[in-house]
Amino acid sequence: FSSRLAFYFSAVGSAVGFGNVWRFPSLVFEYGGGAFFIPYLFALFLVGIPLLVLEISLGQHFQLGDVGCFGKIHERARGVGL
């Protein structure tokens, strides 16, 4: 990747998909669920993005995929990356 920002955009795009980013908020707005949109944004920024960064950093540290990373942390956590 040409920059760190380009890598993060491609990681978010492959993990989330454009359906979640564009279609869901527009459907919520169209059908009057604007009150749900605020907790959705909080969950996205407080849970989703930190977990994405955690998964990327674990993959870089262990140089393995999801299942291998969590399996190295603890054997019972091997299924977390599925």
PDB file of N, CA and C in Angstrom:
ATOM      1  N   PHE A   1       0.835  -1.180   0.000  1.00  0.00           N
ATOM      2  CA  PHE A   1       0.000   0.000   0.000  1.00  0.00           C
ATOM      3  C   PHE A   1       0.877   1.239   0.000  1.00  0.00           C
ATOM      4  N   SER A   2       0.360   2.289  -0.589  1.00  0.00           N
ATOM      5  CA  SER A   2       1.149   3.503  -0.707  1.00  0.00           C
ATOM      6  C   SER A   2       1.264   4.264   0.606  1.00  0.00           C
ATOM      7  N   SER A   3       0.262   4.132   1.479  1.00  0.00           N
ATOM      8  CA  SER A   3       0.315   4.816   2.770  1.00  0.00           C
ATOM      9  C   SER A   3      -0.456   4.005   3.808  1.00  0.00           C
ATOM     10  N   ARG A   4      -0.303   4.412   5.031  1.00  0.00           N
ATOM     11  CA  ARG A   4      -1.006   3.748   6.116  1.00  0.00           C
ATOM     12  C   ARG A   4      -2.515   3.975   6.011  1.00  0.00           C
ATOM     13  N   LEU A   5      -2.890   5.172   5.586  1.00  0.00           N
ATOM     14  CA  LEU A   5      -4.308   5.497   5.442  1.00  0.00           C
ATOM     15  C   LEU A   5      -4.961   4.641   4.365  1.00  0.00           C
ATOM     16  N   ALA A   6      -4.263   4.402   3.276  1.00  0.00           N
ATOM     17  CA  ALA A   6      -4.797   3.549   2.216  1.00  0.00           C
ATOM     18  C   ALA A   6      -4.996   2.118   2.710  1.00  0.00           C
ATOM     19  N   PHE A   7      -4.095   1.641   3.546  1.00  0.00           N
ATOM     20  CA  PHE A   7      -4.245   0.304   4.121  1.00  0.00           C
ATOM     21  C   PHE A   7      -5.467   0.231   5.018  1.00  0.00           C
ATOM     22  N   TYR A   8      -5.667   1.232   5.871  1.00  0.00           N
ATOM     23  CA  TYR A   8      -6.829   1.223   6.763  1.00  0.00           C
ATOM     24  C   TYR A   8      -8.130   1.304   5.977  1.00  0.00           C
ATOM     25  N   PHE A   9      -8.162   2.123   4.926  1.00  0.00           N
ATOM     26  CA  PHE A   9      -9.377   2.205   4.112  1.00  0.00           C
ATOM     27  C   PHE A   9      -9.687   0.880   3.427  1.00  0.00           C
ATOM     28  N   SER A  10      -8.672   0.204   2.940  1.00  0.00           N
ATOM     29  CA  SER A  10      -8.926  -1.091   2.294  1.00  0.00           C
ATOM     30  C   SER A  10      -9.333  -2.145   3.313  1.00  0.00           C
ATOM     31  N   ALA A  11      -8.762  -2.099   4.513  1.00  0.00           N
ATOM     32  CA  ALA A  11      -9.149  -3.047   5.552  1.00  0.00           C
ATOM     33  C   ALA A  11     -10.590  -2.828   5.989  1.00  0.00           C
ATOM     34  N   VAL A  12     -10.969  -1.570   6.186  1.00  0.00           N
ATOM     35  CA  VAL A  12     -12.345  -1.268   6.572  1.00  0.00           C
ATOM     36  C   VAL A  12     -13.299  -1.637   5.442  1.00  0.00           C
ATOM     37  N   GLY A  13     -12.916  -1.358   4.212  1.00  0.00           N
ATOM     38  CA  GLY A  13     -13.774  -1.689   3.073  1.00  0.00           C
ATOM     39  C   GLY A  13     -13.982  -3.176   2.905  1.00  0.00           C
ATOM     40  N   SER A  14     -12.964  -3.959   3.161  1.00  0.00           N
ATOM     41  CA  SER A  14     -13.127  -5.408   3.016  1.00  0.00           C
ATOM     42  C   SER A  14     -13.871  -6.008   4.195  1.00  0.00           C
ATOM     43  N   ALA A  15     -13.729  -5.428   5.363  1.00  0.00           N
ATOM     44  CA  ALA A  15     -14.385  -5.979   6.548  1.00  0.00           C
ATOM     45  C   ALA A  15     -15.842  -5.552   6.656  1.00  0.00           C
ATOM     46  N   VAL A  16     -16.121  -4.309   6.370  1.00  0.00           N
ATOM     47  CA  VAL A  16     -17.454  -3.773   6.589  1.00  0.00           C
ATOM     48  C   VAL A  16     -18.312  -3.883   5.341  1.00  0.00           C
ATOM     49  N   GLY A  17     -17.789  -3.469   4.232  1.00  0.00           N
ATOM     50  CA  GLY A  17     -18.571  -3.471   3.001  1.00  0.00           C
ATOM     51  C   GLY A  17     -19.377  -2.187   2.874  1.00  0.00           C
ATOM     52  N   PHE A  18     -19.681  -1.817   1.655  1.00  0.00           N
ATOM     53  CA  PHE A  18     -20.394  -0.564   1.433  1.00  0.00           C
ATOM     54  C   PHE A  18     -21.859  -0.644   1.826  1.00  0.00           C
ATOM     55  N   GLY A  19     -22.429  -1.831   1.905  1.00  0.00           N
ATOM     56  CA  GLY A  19     -23.819  -1.964   2.317  1.00  0.00           C
ATOM     57  C   GLY A  19     -24.037  -1.456   3.726  1.00  0.00           C
ATOM     58  N   ASN A  20     -23.098  -1.736   4.600  1.00  0.00           N
ATOM     59  CA  ASN A  20     -23.219  -1.279   5.978  1.00  0.00           C
ATOM     60  C   ASN A  20     -22.937   0.213   6.094  1.00  0.00           C
ATOM     61  N   VAL A  21     -22.027   0.711   5.303  1.00  0.00           N
ATOM     62  CA  VAL A  21     -21.630   2.111   5.427  1.00  0.00           C
ATOM     63  C   VAL A  21     -22.654   3.053   4.811  1.00  0.00           C
ATOM     64  N   TRP A  22     -23.235   2.705   3.669  1.00  0.00           N
ATOM     65  CA  TRP A  22     -24.136   3.621   2.965  1.00  0.00           C
ATOM     66  C   TRP A  22     -25.601   3.239   3.066  1.00  0.00           C
ATOM     67  N   ARG A  23     -25.930   1.976   2.878  1.00  0.00           N
ATOM     68  CA  ARG A  23     -27.336   1.587   2.786  1.00  0.00           C
ATOM     69  C   ARG A  23     -28.039   1.618   4.136  1.00  0.00           C
ATOM     70  N   PHE A  24     -27.425   1.072   5.159  1.00  0.00           N
ATOM     71  CA  PHE A  24     -28.071   1.003   6.468  1.00  0.00           C
ATOM     72  C   PHE A  24     -28.414   2.381   7.034  1.00  0.00           C
ATOM     73  N   PRO A  25     -27.493   3.340   7.085  1.00  0.00           N
ATOM     74  CA  PRO A  25     -27.871   4.658   7.609  1.00  0.00           C
ATOM     75  C   PRO A  25     -28.952   5.344   6.772  1.00  0.00           C
ATOM     76  N   SER A  26     -28.931   5.160   5.451  1.00  0.00           N
ATOM     77  CA  SER A  26     -29.974   5.790   4.639  1.00  0.00           C
ATOM     78  C   SER A  26     -31.331   5.154   4.887  1.00  0.00           C
ATOM     79  N   LEU A  27     -31.389   3.837   5.085  1.00  0.00           N
ATOM     80  CA  LEU A  27     -32.658   3.180   5.409  1.00  0.00           C
ATOM     81  C   LEU A  27     -33.170   3.612   6.780  1.00  0.00           C
ATOM     82  N   VAL A  28     -32.274   3.756   7.730  1.00  0.00           N
ATOM     83  CA  VAL A  28     -32.679   4.211   9.062  1.00  0.00           C
ATOM     84  C   VAL A  28     -33.262   5.614   8.979  1.00  0.00           C
ATOM     85  N   PHE A  29     -32.622   6.484   8.232  1.00  0.00           N
ATOM     86  CA  PHE A  29     -33.108   7.855   8.084  1.00  0.00           C
ATOM     87  C   PHE A  29     -34.444   7.887   7.349  1.00  0.00           C
ATOM     88  N   GLU A  30     -34.587   7.066   6.320  1.00  0.00           N
ATOM     89  CA  GLU A  30     -35.805   7.055   5.504  1.00  0.00           C
ATOM     90  C   GLU A  30     -37.023   6.612   6.299  1.00  0.00           C
ATOM     91  N   TYR A  31     -36.845   5.647   7.190  1.00  0.00           N
ATOM     92  CA  TYR A  31     -37.979   5.110   7.936  1.00  0.00           C
ATOM     93  C   TYR A  31     -38.111   5.696   9.336  1.00  0.00           C
ATOM     94  N   GLY A  32     -37.457   6.813   9.596  1.00  0.00           N
ATOM     95  CA  GLY A  32     -37.653   7.536  10.842  1.00  0.00           C
ATOM     96  C   GLY A  32     -36.930   6.964  12.047  1.00  0.00           C
ATOM     97  N   GLY A  33     -35.874   6.263  11.839  1.00  0.00           N
ATOM     98  CA  GLY A  33     -35.136   5.696  12.958  1.00  0.00           C
ATOM     99  C   GLY A  33     -33.890   6.486  13.295  1.00  0.00           C
ATOM    100  N   GLY A  34     -33.969   7.782  13.196  1.00  0.00           N
ATOM    101  CA  GLY A  34     -32.804   8.627  13.444  1.00  0.00           C
ATOM    102  C   GLY A  34     -32.260   8.508  14.851  1.00  0.00           C
ATOM    103  N   ALA A  35     -33.118   8.166  15.815  1.00  0.00           N
ATOM    104  CA  ALA A  35     -32.656   8.004  17.195  1.00  0.00           C
ATOM    105  C   ALA A  35     -31.725   6.795  17.320  1.00  0.00           C
ATOM    106  N   PHE A  36     -31.883   5.822  16.446  1.00  0.00           N
ATOM    107  CA  PHE A  36     -31.008   4.657  16.481  1.00  0.00           C
ATOM    108  C   PHE A  36     -29.660   4.954  15.837  1.00  0.00           C
ATOM    109  N   PHE A  37     -29.607   5.961  15.003  1.00  0.00           N
ATOM    110  CA  PHE A  37     -28.382   6.278  14.272  1.00  0.00           C
ATOM    111  C   PHE A  37     -27.268   6.750  15.205  1.00  0.00           C
ATOM    112  N   ILE A  38     -27.622   7.450  16.271  1.00  0.00           N
ATOM    113  CA  ILE A  38     -26.609   7.952  17.215  1.00  0.00           C
ATOM    114  C   ILE A  38     -25.939   6.802  17.958  1.00  0.00           C
ATOM    115  N   PRO A  39     -26.672   5.827  18.536  1.00  0.00           N
ATOM    116  CA  PRO A  39     -25.984   4.686  19.146  1.00  0.00           C
ATOM    117  C   PRO A  39     -25.196   3.849  18.135  1.00  0.00           C
ATOM    118  N   TYR A  40     -25.682   3.804  16.887  1.00  0.00           N
ATOM    119  CA  TYR A  40     -24.953   3.091  15.837  1.00  0.00           C
ATOM    120  C   TYR A  40     -23.579   3.719  15.618  1.00  0.00           C
ATOM    121  N   LEU A  41     -23.514   5.022  15.554  1.00  0.00           N
ATOM    122  CA  LEU A  41     -22.233   5.705  15.375  1.00  0.00           C
ATOM    123  C   LEU A  41     -21.326   5.519  16.593  1.00  0.00           C
ATOM    124  N   PHE A  42     -21.909   5.579  17.803  1.00  0.00           N
ATOM    125  CA  PHE A  42     -21.115   5.327  19.007  1.00  0.00           C
ATOM    126  C   PHE A  42     -20.524   3.928  18.984  1.00  0.00           C
ATOM    127  N   ALA A  43     -21.336   2.936  18.623  1.00  0.00           N
ATOM    128  CA  ALA A  43     -20.843   1.559  18.573  1.00  0.00           C
ATOM    129  C   ALA A  43     -19.769   1.404  17.512  1.00  0.00           C
ATOM    130  N   LEU A  44     -19.951   2.070  16.382  1.00  0.00           N
ATOM    131  CA  LEU A  44     -18.963   1.983  15.310  1.00  0.00           C
ATOM    132  C   LEU A  44     -17.623   2.545  15.755  1.00  0.00           C
ATOM    133  N   PHE A  45     -17.628   3.713  16.377  1.00  0.00           N
ATOM    134  CA  PHE A  45     -16.375   4.369  16.730  1.00  0.00           C
ATOM    135  C   PHE A  45     -15.777   3.875  18.046  1.00  0.00           C
ATOM    136  N   LEU A  46     -16.606   3.414  18.974  1.00  0.00           N
ATOM    137  CA  LEU A  46     -16.082   2.976  20.261  1.00  0.00           C
ATOM    138  C   LEU A  46     -15.786   1.485  20.324  1.00  0.00           C
ATOM    139  N   VAL A  47     -16.411   0.685  19.460  1.00  0.00           N
ATOM    140  CA  VAL A  47     -16.193  -0.758  19.489  1.00  0.00           C
ATOM    141  C   VAL A  47     -15.613  -1.255  18.171  1.00  0.00           C
ATOM    142  N   GLY A  48     -16.251  -0.908  17.072  1.00  0.00           N
ATOM    143  CA  GLY A  48     -15.872  -1.469  15.779  1.00  0.00           C
ATOM    144  C   GLY A  48     -14.470  -1.111  15.323  1.00  0.00           C
ATOM    145  N   ILE A  49     -14.142   0.138  15.340  1.00  0.00           N
ATOM    146  CA  ILE A  49     -12.826   0.584  14.857  1.00  0.00           C
ATOM    147  C   ILE A  49     -11.699   0.120  15.792  1.00  0.00           C
ATOM    148  N   PRO A  50     -11.846   0.219  17.133  1.00  0.00           N
ATOM    149  CA  PRO A  50     -10.783  -0.327  17.988  1.00  0.00           C
ATOM    150  C   PRO A  50     -10.575  -1.833  17.811  1.00  0.00           C
ATOM    151  N   LEU A  51     -11.646  -2.586  17.601  1.00  0.00           N
ATOM    152  CA  LEU A  51     -11.476  -4.019  17.356  1.00  0.00           C
ATOM    153  C   LEU A  51     -10.786  -4.289  16.030  1.00  0.00           C
ATOM    154  N   LEU A  52     -11.060  -3.469  15.028  1.00  0.00           N
ATOM    155  CA  LEU A  52     -10.379  -3.605  13.743  1.00  0.00           C
ATOM    156  C   LEU A  52      -8.883  -3.345  13.902  1.00  0.00           C
ATOM    157  N   VAL A  53      -8.527  -2.303  14.631  1.00  0.00           N
ATOM    158  CA  VAL A  53      -7.118  -1.985  14.857  1.00  0.00           C
ATOM    159  C   VAL A  53      -6.448  -3.084  15.691  1.00  0.00           C
ATOM    160  N   LEU A  54      -7.160  -3.626  16.686  1.00  0.00           N
ATOM    161  CA  LEU A  54      -6.624  -4.725  17.482  1.00  0.00           C
ATOM    162  C   LEU A  54      -6.347  -5.945  16.617  1.00  0.00           C
ATOM    163  N   GLU A  55      -7.281  -6.287  15.753  1.00  0.00           N
ATOM    164  CA  GLU A  55      -7.105  -7.458  14.902  1.00  0.00           C
ATOM    165  C   GLU A  55      -5.946  -7.271  13.927  1.00  0.00           C
ATOM    166  N   ILE A  56      -5.814  -6.082  13.372  1.00  0.00           N
ATOM    167  CA  ILE A  56      -4.704  -5.809  12.448  1.00  0.00           C
ATOM    168  C   ILE A  56      -3.365  -5.872  13.183  1.00  0.00           C
ATOM    169  N   SER A  57      -3.308  -5.277  14.377  1.00  0.00           N
ATOM    170  CA  SER A  57      -2.037  -5.269  15.109  1.00  0.00           C
ATOM    171  C   SER A  57      -1.658  -6.667  15.598  1.00  0.00           C
ATOM    172  N   LEU A  58      -2.641  -7.473  16.004  1.00  0.00           N
ATOM    173  CA  LEU A  58      -2.322  -8.852  16.391  1.00  0.00           C
ATOM    174  C   LEU A  58      -1.803  -9.651  15.202  1.00  0.00           C
ATOM    175  N   GLY A  59      -2.409  -9.448  14.045  1.00  0.00           N
ATOM    176  CA  GLY A  59      -1.959 -10.139  12.844  1.00  0.00           C
ATOM    177  C   GLY A  59      -0.542  -9.759  12.458  1.00  0.00           C
ATOM    178  N   GLN A  60      -0.204  -8.488  12.623  1.00  0.00           N
ATOM    179  CA  GLN A  60       1.154  -8.053  12.305  1.00  0.00           C
ATOM    180  C   GLN A  60       2.155  -8.555  13.338  1.00  0.00           C
ATOM    181  N   HIS A  61       1.746  -8.596  14.591  1.00  0.00           N
ATOM    182  CA  HIS A  61       2.662  -9.044  15.645  1.00  0.00           C
ATOM    183  C   HIS A  61       2.961 -10.538  15.522  1.00  0.00           C
ATOM    184  N   PHE A  62       1.936 -11.358  15.370  1.00  0.00           N
ATOM    185  CA  PHE A  62       2.122 -12.802  15.314  1.00  0.00           C
ATOM    186  C   PHE A  62       2.407 -13.308  13.901  1.00  0.00           C
ATOM    187  N   GLN A  63       2.173 -12.489  12.904  1.00  0.00           N
ATOM    188  CA  GLN A  63       2.347 -12.848  11.491  1.00  0.00           C
ATOM    189  C   GLN A  63       1.548 -14.105  11.148  1.00  0.00           C
ATOM    190  N   LEU A  64       0.304 -14.125  11.615  1.00  0.00           N
ATOM    191  CA  LEU A  64      -0.617 -15.231  11.378  1.00  0.00           C
ATOM    192  C   LEU A  64      -1.996 -14.666  11.056  1.00  0.00           C
ATOM    193  N   GLY A  65      -2.899 -15.548  10.702  1.00  0.00           N
ATOM    194  CA  GLY A  65      -4.285 -15.160  10.500  1.00  0.00           C
ATOM    195  C   GLY A  65      -5.017 -15.064  11.830  1.00  0.00           C
ATOM    196  N   ASP A  66      -6.332 -14.822  11.755  1.00  0.00           N
ATOM    197  CA  ASP A  66      -7.115 -14.624  12.971  1.00  0.00           C
ATOM    198  C   ASP A  66      -7.073 -15.829  13.903  1.00  0.00           C
ATOM    199  N   VAL A  67      -7.334 -17.001  13.361  1.00  0.00           N
ATOM    200  CA  VAL A  67      -7.400 -18.200  14.190  1.00  0.00           C
ATOM    201  C   VAL A  67      -6.043 -18.478  14.847  1.00  0.00           C
ATOM    202  N   GLY A  68      -4.974 -18.302  14.113  1.00  0.00           N
ATOM    203  CA  GLY A  68      -3.641 -18.528  14.666  1.00  0.00           C
ATOM    204  C   GLY A  68      -3.275 -17.528  15.745  1.00  0.00           C
ATOM    205  N   CYS A  69      -3.654 -16.256  15.544  1.00  0.00           N
ATOM    206  CA  CYS A  69      -3.347 -15.219  16.542  1.00  0.00           C
ATOM    207  C   CYS A  69      -4.023 -15.504  17.869  1.00  0.00           C
ATOM    208  N   PHE A  70      -5.321 -15.730  17.814  1.00  0.00           N
ATOM    209  CA  PHE A  70      -6.038 -15.966  19.060  1.00  0.00           C
ATOM    210  C   PHE A  70      -5.662 -17.311  19.669  1.00  0.00           C
ATOM    211  N   GLY A  71      -5.272 -18.273  18.842  1.00  0.00           N
ATOM    212  CA  GLY A  71      -4.801 -19.550  19.355  1.00  0.00           C
ATOM    213  C   GLY A  71      -3.474 -19.426  20.078  1.00  0.00           C
ATOM    214  N   LYS A  72      -2.615 -18.498  19.639  1.00  0.00           N
ATOM    215  CA  LYS A  72      -1.341 -18.271  20.332  1.00  0.00           C
ATOM    216  C   LYS A  72      -1.551 -17.576  21.671  1.00  0.00           C
ATOM    217  N   ILE A  73      -2.579 -16.747  21.747  1.00  0.00           N
ATOM    218  CA  ILE A  73      -2.867 -16.060  23.012  1.00  0.00           C
ATOM    219  C   ILE A  73      -3.348 -17.076  24.047  1.00  0.00           C
ATOM    220  N   HIS A  74      -4.337 -17.874  23.668  1.00  0.00           N
ATOM    221  CA  HIS A  74      -4.841 -18.937  24.539  1.00  0.00           C
ATOM    222  C   HIS A  74      -5.511 -19.986  23.655  1.00  0.00           C
ATOM    223  N   GLU A  75      -5.322 -21.230  23.979  1.00  0.00           N
ATOM    224  CA  GLU A  75      -5.834 -22.321  23.133  1.00  0.00           C
ATOM    225  C   GLU A  75      -7.353 -22.291  23.015  1.00  0.00           C
ATOM    226  N   ARG A  76      -8.044 -21.903  24.074  1.00  0.00           N
ATOM    227  CA  ARG A  76      -9.510 -21.855  24.017  1.00  0.00           C
ATOM    228  C   ARG A  76     -10.027 -20.696  23.185  1.00  0.00           C
ATOM    229  N   ALA A  77      -9.219 -19.680  22.954  1.00  0.00           N
ATOM    230  CA  ALA A  77      -9.633 -18.517  22.168  1.00  0.00           C
ATOM    231  C   ALA A  77      -9.441 -18.735  20.680  1.00  0.00           C
ATOM    232  N   ARG A  78      -9.100 -19.946  20.271  1.00  0.00           N
ATOM    233  CA  ARG A  78      -8.811 -20.236  18.872  1.00  0.00           C
ATOM    234  C   ARG A  78     -10.011 -19.970  17.964  1.00  0.00           C
ATOM    235  N   GLY A  79     -11.217 -20.160  18.432  1.00  0.00           N
ATOM    236  CA  GLY A  79     -12.409 -19.962  17.600  1.00  0.00           C
ATOM    237  C   GLY A  79     -12.885 -18.532  17.511  1.00  0.00           C
ATOM    238  N   VAL A  80     -12.249 -17.603  18.221  1.00  0.00           N
ATOM    239  CA  VAL A  80     -12.690 -16.208  18.207  1.00  0.00           C
ATOM    240  C   VAL A  80     -12.517 -15.606  16.811  1.00  0.00           C
ATOM    241  N   GLY A  81     -11.481 -15.976  16.105  1.00  0.00           N
ATOM    242  CA  GLY A  81     -11.196 -15.372  14.808  1.00  0.00           C
ATOM    243  C   GLY A  81     -12.012 -15.912  13.664  1.00  0.00           C
ATOM    244  N   LEU A  82     -12.942 -16.811  13.927  1.00  0.00           N
ATOM    245  CA  LEU A  82     -13.746 -17.366  12.838  1.00  0.00           C
ATOM    246  C   LEU A  82     -14.827 -16.450  12.390  1.00  0.00           C
TER     247      LEU A  82
END
